[in-house]
PDB file of N, CA and C in Angstrom:
ATOM      1  N   UNK A   1      -9.651  20.895 -27.513  1.00  0.00           N
ATOM      2  CA  UNK A   1      -8.689  20.612 -26.470  1.00  0.00           C
ATOM      3  C   UNK A   1      -8.110  19.217 -26.717  1.00  0.00           C
ATOM      4  N   UNK A   2      -6.786  19.110 -26.640  1.00  0.00           N
ATOM      5  CA  UNK A   2      -6.156  17.806 -26.814  1.00  0.00           C
ATOM      6  C   UNK A   2      -5.622  17.311 -25.480  1.00  0.00           C
ATOM      7  N   UNK A   3      -5.643  16.011 -25.319  1.00  0.00           N
ATOM      8  CA  UNK A   3      -5.146  15.397 -24.099  1.00  0.00           C
ATOM      9  C   UNK A   3      -3.822  14.725 -24.441  1.00  0.00           C
ATOM     10  N   UNK A   4      -2.783  15.080 -23.706  1.00  0.00           N
ATOM     11  CA  UNK A   4      -1.470  14.496 -23.940  1.00  0.00           C
ATOM     12  C   UNK A   4      -1.377  13.168 -23.195  1.00  0.00           C
ATOM     13  N   UNK A   5      -1.018  12.122 -23.912  1.00  0.00           N
ATOM     14  CA  UNK A   5      -0.851  10.807 -23.289  1.00  0.00           C
ATOM     15  C   UNK A   5       0.622  10.621 -22.970  1.00  0.00           C
ATOM     16  N   UNK A   6       0.904  10.364 -21.721  1.00  0.00           N
ATOM     17  CA  UNK A   6       2.272  10.134 -21.281  1.00  0.00           C
ATOM     18  C   UNK A   6       2.779   8.848 -21.918  1.00  0.00           C
ATOM     19  N   UNK A   7       3.999   8.842 -22.480  1.00  0.00           N
ATOM     20  CA  UNK A   7       4.524   7.623 -23.112  1.00  0.00           C
ATOM     21  C   UNK A   7       4.600   6.437 -22.155  1.00  0.00           C
ATOM     22  N   UNK A   8       4.739   6.697 -20.875  1.00  0.00           N
ATOM     23  CA  UNK A   8       4.804   5.628 -19.879  1.00  0.00           C
ATOM     24  C   UNK A   8       3.481   4.859 -19.862  1.00  0.00           C
ATOM     25  N   UNK A   9       2.380   5.548 -20.003  1.00  0.00           N
ATOM     26  CA  UNK A   9       1.071   4.896 -19.974  1.00  0.00           C
ATOM     27  C   UNK A   9       0.930   3.873 -21.096  1.00  0.00           C
ATOM     28  N   UNK A  10       1.660   4.056 -22.181  1.00  0.00           N
ATOM     29  CA  UNK A  10       1.616   3.091 -23.283  1.00  0.00           C
ATOM     30  C   UNK A  10       2.312   1.787 -22.905  1.00  0.00           C
ATOM     31  N   UNK A  11       3.237   1.849 -21.954  1.00  0.00           N
ATOM     32  CA  UNK A  11       3.974   0.659 -21.536  1.00  0.00           C
ATOM     33  C   UNK A  11       3.230  -0.159 -20.493  1.00  0.00           C
ATOM     34  N   UNK A  12       2.267   0.475 -19.845  1.00  0.00           N
ATOM     35  CA  UNK A  12       1.519  -0.193 -18.792  1.00  0.00           C
ATOM     36  C   UNK A  12       0.314  -0.874 -19.422  1.00  0.00           C
ATOM     37  N   UNK A  13       0.221  -2.179 -19.230  1.00  0.00           N
ATOM     38  CA  UNK A  13      -0.806  -2.958 -19.917  1.00  0.00           C
ATOM     39  C   UNK A  13      -2.158  -2.946 -19.208  1.00  0.00           C
ATOM     40  N   UNK A  14      -2.162  -2.601 -17.942  1.00  0.00           N
ATOM     41  CA  UNK A  14      -3.382  -2.571 -17.123  1.00  0.00           C
ATOM     42  C   UNK A  14      -3.986  -3.963 -16.937  1.00  0.00           C
ATOM     43  N   UNK A  15      -3.205  -4.996 -17.208  1.00  0.00           N
ATOM     44  CA  UNK A  15      -3.650  -6.357 -16.915  1.00  0.00           C
ATOM     45  C   UNK A  15      -2.451  -7.145 -16.409  1.00  0.00           C
ATOM     46  N   UNK A  16      -2.709  -8.056 -15.513  1.00  0.00           N
ATOM     47  CA  UNK A  16      -1.624  -8.828 -14.928  1.00  0.00           C
ATOM     48  C   UNK A  16      -0.891  -8.032 -13.863  1.00  0.00           C
ATOM     49  N   UNK A  17       0.306  -8.507 -13.548  1.00  0.00           N
ATOM     50  CA  UNK A  17       1.125  -7.850 -12.525  1.00  0.00           C
ATOM     51  C   UNK A  17       2.188  -7.009 -13.214  1.00  0.00           C
ATOM     52  N   UNK A  18       2.315  -5.778 -12.754  1.00  0.00           N
ATOM     53  CA  UNK A  18       3.310  -4.869 -13.300  1.00  0.00           C
ATOM     54  C   UNK A  18       4.101  -4.236 -12.169  1.00  0.00           C
ATOM     55  N   UNK A  19       5.387  -4.051 -12.408  1.00  0.00           N
ATOM     56  CA  UNK A  19       6.260  -3.401 -11.453  1.00  0.00           C
ATOM     57  C   UNK A  19       6.726  -2.104 -12.094  1.00  0.00           C
ATOM     58  N   UNK A  20       6.380  -0.984 -11.477  1.00  0.00           N
ATOM     59  CA  UNK A  20       6.858   0.316 -11.938  1.00  0.00           C
ATOM     60  C   UNK A  20       8.022   0.708 -11.044  1.00  0.00           C
ATOM     61  N   UNK A  21       9.185   0.919 -11.636  1.00  0.00           N
ATOM     62  CA  UNK A  21      10.390   1.268 -10.895  1.00  0.00           C
ATOM     63  C   UNK A  21      10.745   2.708 -11.219  1.00  0.00           C
ATOM     64  N   UNK A  22      10.459   3.616 -10.295  1.00  0.00           N
ATOM     65  CA  UNK A  22      10.746   5.034 -10.462  1.00  0.00           C
ATOM     66  C   UNK A  22      12.132   5.312  -9.900  1.00  0.00           C
ATOM     67  N   UNK A  23      12.961   5.945 -10.718  1.00  0.00           N
ATOM     68  CA  UNK A  23      14.350   6.149 -10.346  1.00  0.00           C
ATOM     69  C   UNK A  23      14.891   7.354 -11.104  1.00  0.00           C
ATOM     70  N   UNK A  24      16.162   7.600 -10.919  1.00  0.00           N
ATOM     71  CA  UNK A  24      16.866   8.621 -11.685  1.00  0.00           C
ATOM     72  C   UNK A  24      18.340   8.241 -11.756  1.00  0.00           C
ATOM     73  N   UNK A  25      19.018   8.711 -12.781  1.00  0.00           N
ATOM     74  CA  UNK A  25      20.428   8.376 -12.959  1.00  0.00           C
ATOM     75  C   UNK A  25      21.313   8.951 -11.858  1.00  0.00           C
ATOM     76  N   UNK A  26      20.868   9.981 -11.197  1.00  0.00           N
ATOM     77  CA  UNK A  26      21.688  10.600 -10.151  1.00  0.00           C
ATOM     78  C   UNK A  26      21.524   9.932  -8.780  1.00  0.00           C
ATOM     79  N   UNK A  27      20.689   8.910  -8.693  1.00  0.00           N
ATOM     80  CA  UNK A  27      20.436   8.210  -7.423  1.00  0.00           C
ATOM     81  C   UNK A  27      21.313   6.961  -7.343  1.00  0.00           C
ATOM     82  N   UNK A  28      22.297   6.975  -6.450  1.00  0.00           N
ATOM     83  CA  UNK A  28      23.195   5.826  -6.306  1.00  0.00           C
ATOM     84  C   UNK A  28      22.489   4.606  -5.732  1.00  0.00           C
ATOM     85  N   UNK A  29      21.568   4.812  -4.816  1.00  0.00           N
ATOM     86  CA  UNK A  29      20.795   3.694  -4.253  1.00  0.00           C
ATOM     87  C   UNK A  29      20.009   3.011  -5.373  1.00  0.00           C
ATOM     88  N   UNK A  30      19.423   3.817  -6.241  1.00  0.00           N
ATOM     89  CA  UNK A  30      18.642   3.289  -7.356  1.00  0.00           C
ATOM     90  C   UNK A  30      19.494   2.430  -8.285  1.00  0.00           C
ATOM     91  N   UNK A  31      20.715   2.878  -8.544  1.00  0.00           N
ATOM     92  CA  UNK A  31      21.616   2.146  -9.432  1.00  0.00           C
ATOM     93  C   UNK A  31      21.961   0.777  -8.865  1.00  0.00           C
ATOM     94  N   UNK A  32      22.092   0.685  -7.549  1.00  0.00           N
ATOM     95  CA  UNK A  32      22.413  -0.582  -6.904  1.00  0.00           C
ATOM     96  C   UNK A  32      21.191  -1.499  -6.889  1.00  0.00           C
ATOM     97  N   UNK A  33      20.011  -0.929  -6.635  1.00  0.00           N
ATOM     98  CA  UNK A  33      18.794  -1.732  -6.521  1.00  0.00           C
ATOM     99  C   UNK A  33      18.256  -2.243  -7.856  1.00  0.00           C
ATOM    100  N   UNK A  34      18.372  -1.461  -8.891  1.00  0.00           N
ATOM    101  CA  UNK A  34      17.737  -1.801 -10.169  1.00  0.00           C
ATOM    102  C   UNK A  34      18.090  -3.208 -10.664  1.00  0.00           C
ATOM    103  N   UNK A  35      19.376  -3.599 -10.738  1.00  0.00           N
ATOM    104  CA  UNK A  35      19.660  -4.961 -11.219  1.00  0.00           C
ATOM    105  C   UNK A  35      19.117  -6.045 -10.290  1.00  0.00           C
ATOM    106  N   UNK A  36      19.090  -5.777  -9.002  1.00  0.00           N
ATOM    107  CA  UNK A  36      18.554  -6.750  -8.043  1.00  0.00           C
ATOM    108  C   UNK A  36      17.049  -6.917  -8.226  1.00  0.00           C
ATOM    109  N   UNK A  37      16.360  -5.801  -8.418  1.00  0.00           N
ATOM    110  CA  UNK A  37      14.910  -5.841  -8.636  1.00  0.00           C
ATOM    111  C   UNK A  37      14.606  -6.562  -9.944  1.00  0.00           C
ATOM    112  N   UNK A  38      15.344  -6.229 -11.002  1.00  0.00           N
ATOM    113  CA  UNK A  38      15.122  -6.881 -12.295  1.00  0.00           C
ATOM    114  C   UNK A  38      15.378  -8.380 -12.212  1.00  0.00           C
ATOM    115  N   UNK A  39      16.395  -8.783 -11.457  1.00  0.00           N
ATOM    116  CA  UNK A  39      16.700 -10.205 -11.298  1.00  0.00           C
ATOM    117  C   UNK A  39      15.534 -10.943 -10.637  1.00  0.00           C
ATOM    118  N   UNK A  40      14.950 -10.322  -9.627  1.00  0.00           N
ATOM    119  CA  UNK A  40      13.800 -10.930  -8.938  1.00  0.00           C
ATOM    120  C   UNK A  40      12.604 -11.015  -9.884  1.00  0.00           C
ATOM    121  N   UNK A  41      12.308  -9.921 -10.552  1.00  0.00           N
ATOM    122  CA  UNK A  41      11.145  -9.856 -11.435  1.00  0.00           C
ATOM    123  C   UNK A  41      11.302 -10.827 -12.616  1.00  0.00           C
ATOM    124  N   UNK A  42      12.511 -10.996 -13.119  1.00  0.00           N
ATOM    125  CA  UNK A  42      12.751 -11.873 -14.266  1.00  0.00           C
ATOM    126  C   UNK A  42      12.492 -13.344 -13.962  1.00  0.00           C
ATOM    127  N   UNK A  43      12.361 -13.707 -12.705  1.00  0.00           N
ATOM    128  CA  UNK A  43      12.045 -15.085 -12.331  1.00  0.00           C
ATOM    129  C   UNK A  43      10.612 -15.454 -12.713  1.00  0.00           C
ATOM    130  N   UNK A  44       9.799 -14.439 -12.930  1.00  0.00           N
ATOM    131  CA  UNK A  44       8.376 -14.652 -13.216  1.00  0.00           C
ATOM    132  C   UNK A  44       8.100 -14.249 -14.649  1.00  0.00           C
ATOM    133  N   UNK A  45       7.516 -15.144 -15.407  1.00  0.00           N
ATOM    134  CA  UNK A  45       7.337 -14.907 -16.839  1.00  0.00           C
ATOM    135  C   UNK A  45       6.233 -13.921 -17.190  1.00  0.00           C
ATOM    136  N   UNK A  46       5.315 -13.647 -16.306  1.00  0.00           N
ATOM    137  CA  UNK A  46       4.177 -12.797 -16.663  1.00  0.00           C
ATOM    138  C   UNK A  46       4.160 -11.448 -15.947  1.00  0.00           C
ATOM    139  N   UNK A  47       5.294 -11.019 -15.432  1.00  0.00           N
ATOM    140  CA  UNK A  47       5.340  -9.719 -14.764  1.00  0.00           C
ATOM    141  C   UNK A  47       5.989  -8.709 -15.709  1.00  0.00           C
ATOM    142  N   UNK A  48       5.309  -7.595 -15.912  1.00  0.00           N
ATOM    143  CA  UNK A  48       5.799  -6.519 -16.764  1.00  0.00           C
ATOM    144  C   UNK A  48       6.602  -5.544 -15.902  1.00  0.00           C
ATOM    145  N   UNK A  49       7.885  -5.336 -16.220  1.00  0.00           N
ATOM    146  CA  UNK A  49       8.746  -4.405 -15.493  1.00  0.00           C
ATOM    147  C   UNK A  49       8.888  -3.137 -16.311  1.00  0.00           C
ATOM    148  N   UNK A  50       8.553  -1.980 -15.705  1.00  0.00           N
ATOM    149  CA  UNK A  50       8.644  -0.695 -16.401  1.00  0.00           C
ATOM    150  C   UNK A  50       9.553   0.221 -15.597  1.00  0.00           C
ATOM    151  N   UNK A  51      10.663   0.639 -16.211  1.00  0.00           N
ATOM    152  CA  UNK A  51      11.592   1.584 -15.586  1.00  0.00           C
ATOM    153  C   UNK A  51      11.188   2.996 -15.982  1.00  0.00           C
ATOM    154  N   UNK A  52      11.074   3.876 -14.997  1.00  0.00           N
ATOM    155  CA  UNK A  52      10.650   5.255 -15.259  1.00  0.00           C
ATOM    156  C   UNK A  52      11.663   6.194 -14.630  1.00  0.00           C
ATOM    157  N   UNK A  53      12.359   6.949 -15.459  1.00  0.00           N
ATOM    158  CA  UNK A  53      13.300   7.958 -14.968  1.00  0.00           C
ATOM    159  C   UNK A  53      12.487   9.203 -14.607  1.00  0.00           C
ATOM    160  N   UNK A  54      12.484   9.537 -13.345  1.00  0.00           N
ATOM    161  CA  UNK A  54      11.624  10.628 -12.869  1.00  0.00           C
ATOM    162  C   UNK A  54      12.019  11.982 -13.444  1.00  0.00           C
ATOM    163  N   UNK A  55      13.272  12.134 -13.849  1.00  0.00           N
ATOM    164  CA  UNK A  55      13.697  13.402 -14.443  1.00  0.00           C
ATOM    165  C   UNK A  55      13.197  13.544 -15.877  1.00  0.00           C
ATOM    166  N   UNK A  56      13.066  12.428 -16.565  1.00  0.00           N
ATOM    167  CA  UNK A  56      12.587  12.455 -17.955  1.00  0.00           C
ATOM    168  C   UNK A  56      11.068  12.438 -18.048  1.00  0.00           C
ATOM    169  N   UNK A  57      10.411  11.831 -17.053  1.00  0.00           N
ATOM    170  CA  UNK A  57       8.957  11.667 -17.101  1.00  0.00           C
ATOM    171  C   UNK A  57       8.326  12.261 -15.847  1.00  0.00           C
ATOM    172  N   UNK A  58       8.386  13.579 -15.765  1.00  0.00           N
ATOM    173  CA  UNK A  58       7.837  14.282 -14.604  1.00  0.00           C
ATOM    174  C   UNK A  58       6.334  14.052 -14.462  1.00  0.00           C
ATOM    175  N   UNK A  59       5.635  14.005 -15.583  1.00  0.00           N
ATOM    176  CA  UNK A  59       4.182  13.829 -15.551  1.00  0.00           C
ATOM    177  C   UNK A  59       3.803  12.459 -14.973  1.00  0.00           C
ATOM    178  N   UNK A  60       4.523  11.429 -15.372  1.00  0.00           N
ATOM    179  CA  UNK A  60       4.249  10.088 -14.840  1.00  0.00           C
ATOM    180  C   UNK A  60       4.527  10.043 -13.349  1.00  0.00           C
ATOM    181  N   UNK A  61       5.607  10.679 -12.929  1.00  0.00           N
ATOM    182  CA  UNK A  61       5.937  10.731 -11.504  1.00  0.00           C
ATOM    183  C   UNK A  61       4.832  11.438 -10.725  1.00  0.00           C
ATOM    184  N   UNK A  62       4.332  12.515 -11.268  1.00  0.00           N
ATOM    185  CA  UNK A  62       3.247  13.246 -10.608  1.00  0.00           C
ATOM    186  C   UNK A  62       1.959  12.421 -10.589  1.00  0.00           C
ATOM    187  N   UNK A  63       1.661  11.753 -11.694  1.00  0.00           N
ATOM    188  CA  UNK A  63       0.438  10.942 -11.767  1.00  0.00           C
ATOM    189  C   UNK A  63       0.421   9.826 -10.733  1.00  0.00           C
ATOM    190  N   UNK A  64       1.603   9.296 -10.414  1.00  0.00           N
ATOM    191  CA  UNK A  64       1.695   8.207  -9.437  1.00  0.00           C
ATOM    192  C   UNK A  64       2.151   8.701  -8.056  1.00  0.00           C
ATOM    193  N   UNK A  65       2.160  10.017  -7.867  1.00  0.00           N
ATOM    194  CA  UNK A  65       2.540  10.632  -6.583  1.00  0.00           C
ATOM    195  C   UNK A  65       3.881  10.117  -6.075  1.00  0.00           C
ATOM    196  N   UNK A  66       4.862  10.137  -6.954  1.00  0.00           N
ATOM    197  CA  UNK A  66       6.215   9.727  -6.591  1.00  0.00           C
ATOM    198  C   UNK A  66       7.005  10.976  -6.225  1.00  0.00           C
ATOM    199  N   UNK A  67       7.442  11.037  -4.962  1.00  0.00           N
ATOM    200  CA  UNK A  67       8.159  12.203  -4.466  1.00  0.00           C
ATOM    201  C   UNK A  67       9.593  11.895  -4.072  1.00  0.00           C
ATOM    202  N   UNK A  68       9.936  10.608  -4.002  1.00  0.00           N
ATOM    203  CA  UNK A  68      11.309  10.226  -3.695  1.00  0.00           C
ATOM    204  C   UNK A  68      11.652   8.977  -4.494  1.00  0.00           C
ATOM    205  N   UNK A  69      12.947   8.792  -4.708  1.00  0.00           N
ATOM    206  CA  UNK A  69      13.400   7.620  -5.442  1.00  0.00           C
ATOM    207  C   UNK A  69      14.383   6.848  -4.584  1.00  0.00           C
ATOM    208  N   UNK A  70      14.456   5.554  -4.753  1.00  0.00           N
ATOM    209  CA  UNK A  70      13.608   4.758  -5.630  1.00  0.00           C
ATOM    210  C   UNK A  70      12.218   4.551  -5.048  1.00  0.00           C
ATOM    211  N   UNK A  71      11.261   4.450  -5.920  1.00  0.00           N
ATOM    212  CA  UNK A  71       9.900   4.063  -5.552  1.00  0.00           C
ATOM    213  C   UNK A  71       9.503   2.922  -6.481  1.00  0.00           C
ATOM    214  N   UNK A  72       9.006   1.871  -5.889  1.00  0.00           N
ATOM    215  CA  UNK A  72       8.554   0.711  -6.652  1.00  0.00           C
ATOM    216  C   UNK A  72       7.078   0.510  -6.355  1.00  0.00           C
ATOM    217  N   UNK A  73       6.291   0.438  -7.410  1.00  0.00           N
ATOM    218  CA  UNK A  73       4.852   0.274  -7.260  1.00  0.00           C
ATOM    219  C   UNK A  73       4.445  -1.050  -7.909  1.00  0.00           C
ATOM    220  N   UNK A  74       3.703  -1.862  -7.155  1.00  0.00           N
ATOM    221  CA  UNK A  74       3.153  -3.097  -7.696  1.00  0.00           C
ATOM    222  C   UNK A  74       1.725  -2.811  -8.126  1.00  0.00           C
ATOM    223  N   UNK A  75       1.454  -3.043  -9.402  1.00  0.00           N
ATOM    224  CA  UNK A  75       0.128  -2.814  -9.967  1.00  0.00           C
ATOM    225  C   UNK A  75      -0.419  -4.156 -10.434  1.00  0.00           C
ATOM    226  N   UNK A  76      -1.647  -4.452 -10.059  1.00  0.00           N
ATOM    227  CA  UNK A  76      -2.304  -5.673 -10.510  1.00  0.00           C
ATOM    228  C   UNK A  76      -3.608  -5.283 -11.192  1.00  0.00           C
ATOM    229  N   UNK A  77      -3.732  -5.681 -12.444  1.00  0.00           N
ATOM    230  CA  UNK A  77      -4.906  -5.355 -13.264  1.00  0.00           C
ATOM    231  C   UNK A  77      -5.248  -3.869 -13.223  1.00  0.00           C
ATOM    232  N   UNK A  78      -4.212  -3.042 -13.303  1.00  0.00           N
ATOM    233  CA  UNK A  78      -4.408  -1.598 -13.383  1.00  0.00           C
ATOM    234  C   UNK A  78      -4.586  -0.874 -12.063  1.00  0.00           C
ATOM    235  N   UNK A  79      -4.566  -1.594 -10.935  1.00  0.00           N
ATOM    236  CA  UNK A  79      -4.747  -0.961  -9.623  1.00  0.00           C
ATOM    237  C   UNK A  79      -3.487  -1.112  -8.784  1.00  0.00           C
ATOM    238  N   UNK A  80      -3.124  -0.036  -8.114  1.00  0.00           N
ATOM    239  CA  UNK A  80      -1.963  -0.090  -7.229  1.00  0.00           C
ATOM    240  C   UNK A  80      -2.296  -0.912  -5.991  1.00  0.00           C
ATOM    241  N   UNK A  81      -1.429  -1.897  -5.719  1.00  0.00           N
ATOM    242  CA  UNK A  81      -1.622  -2.744  -4.551  1.00  0.00           C
ATOM    243  C   UNK A  81      -0.592  -2.489  -3.462  1.00  0.00           C
ATOM    244  N   UNK A  82       0.603  -2.121  -3.850  1.00  0.00           N
ATOM    245  CA  UNK A  82       1.653  -1.962  -2.862  1.00  0.00           C
ATOM    246  C   UNK A  82       2.716  -1.030  -3.404  1.00  0.00           C
ATOM    247  N   UNK A  83       3.373  -0.325  -2.478  1.00  0.00           N
ATOM    248  CA  UNK A  83       4.396   0.637  -2.846  1.00  0.00           C
ATOM    249  C   UNK A  83       5.574   0.494  -1.893  1.00  0.00           C
ATOM    250  N   UNK A  84       6.765   0.470  -2.457  1.00  0.00           N
ATOM    251  CA  UNK A  84       7.996   0.466  -1.668  1.00  0.00           C
ATOM    252  C   UNK A  84       8.722   1.776  -1.947  1.00  0.00           C
ATOM    253  N   UNK A  85       9.196   2.417  -0.906  1.00  0.00           N
ATOM    254  CA  UNK A  85       9.952   3.655  -1.066  1.00  0.00           C
ATOM    255  C   UNK A  85      11.324   3.512  -0.439  1.00  0.00           C
ATOM    256  N   UNK A  86      12.211   4.298  -0.890  1.00  0.00           N
ATOM    257  CA  UNK A  86      13.573   4.506  -0.413  1.00  0.00           C
ATOM    258  C   UNK A  86      14.210   3.337   0.349  1.00  0.00           C
ATOM    259  N   UNK A  87      13.733   3.019   1.532  1.00  0.00           N
ATOM    260  CA  UNK A  87      14.342   1.961   2.343  1.00  0.00           C
ATOM    261  C   UNK A  87      13.698   0.626   2.021  1.00  0.00           C
ATOM    262  N   UNK A  88      14.264  -0.046   1.059  1.00  0.00           N
ATOM    263  CA  UNK A  88      13.683  -1.274   0.533  1.00  0.00           C
ATOM    264  C   UNK A  88      14.520  -2.472   0.944  1.00  0.00           C
ATOM    265  N   UNK A  89      13.866  -3.458   1.513  1.00  0.00           N
ATOM    266  CA  UNK A  89      14.517  -4.727   1.810  1.00  0.00           C
ATOM    267  C   UNK A  89      14.325  -5.644   0.605  1.00  0.00           C
ATOM    268  N   UNK A  90      15.424  -6.092   0.017  1.00  0.00           N
ATOM    269  CA  UNK A  90      15.346  -6.976  -1.151  1.00  0.00           C
ATOM    270  C   UNK A  90      14.630  -8.272  -0.792  1.00  0.00           C
ATOM    271  N   UNK A  91      14.907  -8.801   0.393  1.00  0.00           N
ATOM    272  CA  UNK A  91      14.229 -10.030   0.840  1.00  0.00           C
ATOM    273  C   UNK A  91      12.725  -9.826   0.927  1.00  0.00           C
ATOM    274  N   UNK A  92      12.319  -8.723   1.533  1.00  0.00           N
ATOM    275  CA  UNK A  92      10.892  -8.414   1.674  1.00  0.00           C
ATOM    276  C   UNK A  92      10.247  -8.236   0.299  1.00  0.00           C
ATOM    277  N   UNK A  93      10.919  -7.544  -0.591  1.00  0.00           N
ATOM    278  CA  UNK A  93      10.400  -7.337  -1.936  1.00  0.00           C
ATOM    279  C   UNK A  93      10.218  -8.682  -2.651  1.00  0.00           C
ATOM    280  N   UNK A  94      11.237  -9.534  -2.570  1.00  0.00           N
ATOM    281  CA  UNK A  94      11.187 -10.842  -3.225  1.00  0.00           C
ATOM    282  C   UNK A  94      10.039 -11.692  -2.686  1.00  0.00           C
ATOM    283  N   UNK A  95       9.870 -11.723  -1.378  1.00  0.00           N
ATOM    284  CA  UNK A  95       8.780 -12.488  -0.764  1.00  0.00           C
ATOM    285  C   UNK A  95       7.418 -11.933  -1.170  1.00  0.00           C
ATOM    286  N   UNK A  96       7.323 -10.624  -1.243  1.00  0.00           N
ATOM    287  CA  UNK A  96       6.060  -9.981  -1.622  1.00  0.00           C
ATOM    288  C   UNK A  96       5.696 -10.305  -3.069  1.00  0.00           C
ATOM    289  N   UNK A  97       6.660 -10.205  -3.966  1.00  0.00           N
ATOM    290  CA  UNK A  97       6.401 -10.521  -5.377  1.00  0.00           C
ATOM    291  C   UNK A  97       5.981 -11.979  -5.513  1.00  0.00           C
ATOM    292  N   UNK A  98       6.654 -12.858  -4.799  1.00  0.00           N
ATOM    293  CA  UNK A  98       6.319 -14.280  -4.847  1.00  0.00           C
ATOM    294  C   UNK A  98       4.889 -14.518  -4.362  1.00  0.00           C
ATOM    295  N   UNK A  99       4.527 -13.872  -3.266  1.00  0.00           N
ATOM    296  CA  UNK A  99       3.178 -14.034  -2.704  1.00  0.00           C
ATOM    297  C   UNK A  99       2.111 -13.520  -3.678  1.00  0.00           C
ATOM    298  N   UNK A 100       2.302 -12.305  -4.217  1.00  0.00           N
ATOM    299  CA  UNK A 100       1.324 -11.758  -5.149  1.00  0.00           C
ATOM    300  C   UNK A 100       1.247 -12.586  -6.423  1.00  0.00           C
ATOM    301  N   UNK A 101       2.382 -13.037  -6.920  1.00  0.00           N
ATOM    302  CA  UNK A 101       2.389 -13.848  -8.136  1.00  0.00           C
ATOM    303  C   UNK A 101       1.621 -15.148  -7.937  1.00  0.00           C
ATOM    304  N   UNK A 102       1.848 -15.799  -6.806  1.00  0.00           N
ATOM    305  CA  UNK A 102       1.161 -17.071  -6.522  1.00  0.00           C
ATOM    306  C   UNK A 102      -0.328 -16.865  -6.290  1.00  0.00           C
ATOM    307  N   UNK A 103      -0.721 -15.742  -5.737  1.00  0.00           N
ATOM    308  CA  UNK A 103      -2.156 -15.464  -5.540  1.00  0.00           C
ATOM    309  C   UNK A 103      -2.839 -15.144  -6.866  1.00  0.00           C
ATOM    310  N   UNK A 104      -2.092 -14.522  -7.757  1.00  0.00           N
ATOM    311  CA  UNK A 104      -2.677 -14.055  -9.015  1.00  0.00           C
ATOM    312  C   UNK A 104      -2.889 -15.194 -10.020  1.00  0.00           C
ATOM    313  N   UNK A 105      -2.038 -16.225  -9.975  1.00  0.00           N
ATOM    314  CA  UNK A 105      -2.110 -17.306 -10.969  1.00  0.00           C
ATOM    315  C   UNK A 105      -3.479 -17.932 -11.068  1.00  0.00           C
TER     316      UNK A 105
END
């Protein structure tokens, strides 16, 4: 029996802070949020940002129980700490990333 490894799992380092951004090209909200989220995340040098298109990576979406887009998951050292779905406040997201980053240092 062989075990298929999802290509997304290769991008996740399981150490440090990681942001998984689940989206799809057909989601207009996702298209607007993605550059804003990336801009916030890029302020921090040690945060790994992983974009996951839910239509291309159904297995990854299922593994992380993603049922709607956009979904943003904050992972610290391989464990999910926080999840944002659909109705996302950019201010709240930015403050949360700042708080987790400062606690993690």
